[in-house]
Amino acid sequence: MRELLNTLFVQTEGAYLSLDQDTVRVEIDGTVKLRAPLLNLGAIVVFGRVMLTPALIARCAVDGRSVVWMSSTGRFQGRLEGPVRGNVLLRRAQHLAALDETRTARIARQIVAAKIQNSRQLLLRVGRDSEAEDRNRLAMAAAELADILARLRAATELNVIRGLEGEAARAYFGVFGRMVRVDREELAPDGRTRRPPRDRTNALLSFLYALLRGDCQGALEGVGLDPQVGFLHSLRPGRPALALDLMEELRPSVDRLALALINRRQIRREHFDLLPGGAVYLNEAGRKVVIVAYQERKAEEVEHRALKEKVAWGLVAHVQARLLARYLRGDLAEYPPYLAR
């Protein structure tokens, strides 16, 4: 369990939360692990099999403190809101920002900058341990991303920002296969393909991105933002544009997991089905391996630069959703995207 941004996150299965005077008491296996003053909490977010007493739920409702239930895999299940303020004002601020071209471009630029920076970081990290030819190609791509980042700083129009994001993606995926170190003939991708993926690594990435998108959508629902009103991604019926925005800065972390699964031979060619027409998908055995690894990855702690402390990687999307909400409310001068180390 962690308290971040005035929010208590409880991820321990079997945890029992109750009201104790003006505090929330968290017990695990009959032992009190935490007493947190309610006065300091704006929300409680629980994952999986976590029990809250009716008295605590009622107190949160009266106080206007939100309680959010997520599945153990991070899927949004429900949210309690009291009779007060809250979401309508936040969503109004979100919708107003989406109508403001300048604010939309500023948010999109922050998101794209973080995505490019995190992608560049991954190229340099993998390049350090690569053979000379691969290291050179990865370094060249990293330099190209650095150049795009420099041009992005001056970009104020959304279409220009989107163009630079596309340019960076082409440079990044142009060398992605250089980071695959085993069975390249079968597993190294030739650029990014989707709907459907045309090779095994793209099939793996698409599956991981789908998991990440679900987590981001759940995080946005949890904080009360509208997942369908985005800034970088345009509005389309049924499209979770803001969830797609939020996942951009986290994609390189997922790419790193995909590479680890391949290079450690946890995912192999037999984990994929090749369908008529050229589509490639993970089979059931492959999906099981990936889901287990993804859940393990979510439990790992990473350094969060904006918070200046370590958080579980699985909570990063929730932290970013709350930081975005604070920016939209006017509590922050700029949205601080997630930057990996």
Foldseek 3Di string as FASTA:
>chain_A
DDQDPLEAEALDAQWEWEDDPQWIWIDHPRHTDDTGGNVSHQEYEYEAHYYYDPVVLVVCQQVQRKYWYAYSLQFGDDMHGHPDDAQVVLQVLLVVLQVDQQSLQQLLLQLLLLLLQLLLVVLQVLLVPAPPVLVVLSVVLSVVSVVLSVVSVPDRGLVVSLVSSVVNLQSSQCSLLSSADPPSVQARDRGADPPPGQGDLNQQLVVLVVSQLSNLCNLLVHRNYQQQRHRNDDHDVPDSRNSVSQCSSVSSVSSVLSSVCRNVVVDDPVQWDQDPPRGIHGDPVRVVSSSVSVSVQQQDWFQFVVRRGIDRNSCLSNNLSVLVSCVSVVVDVHRNHGHGD
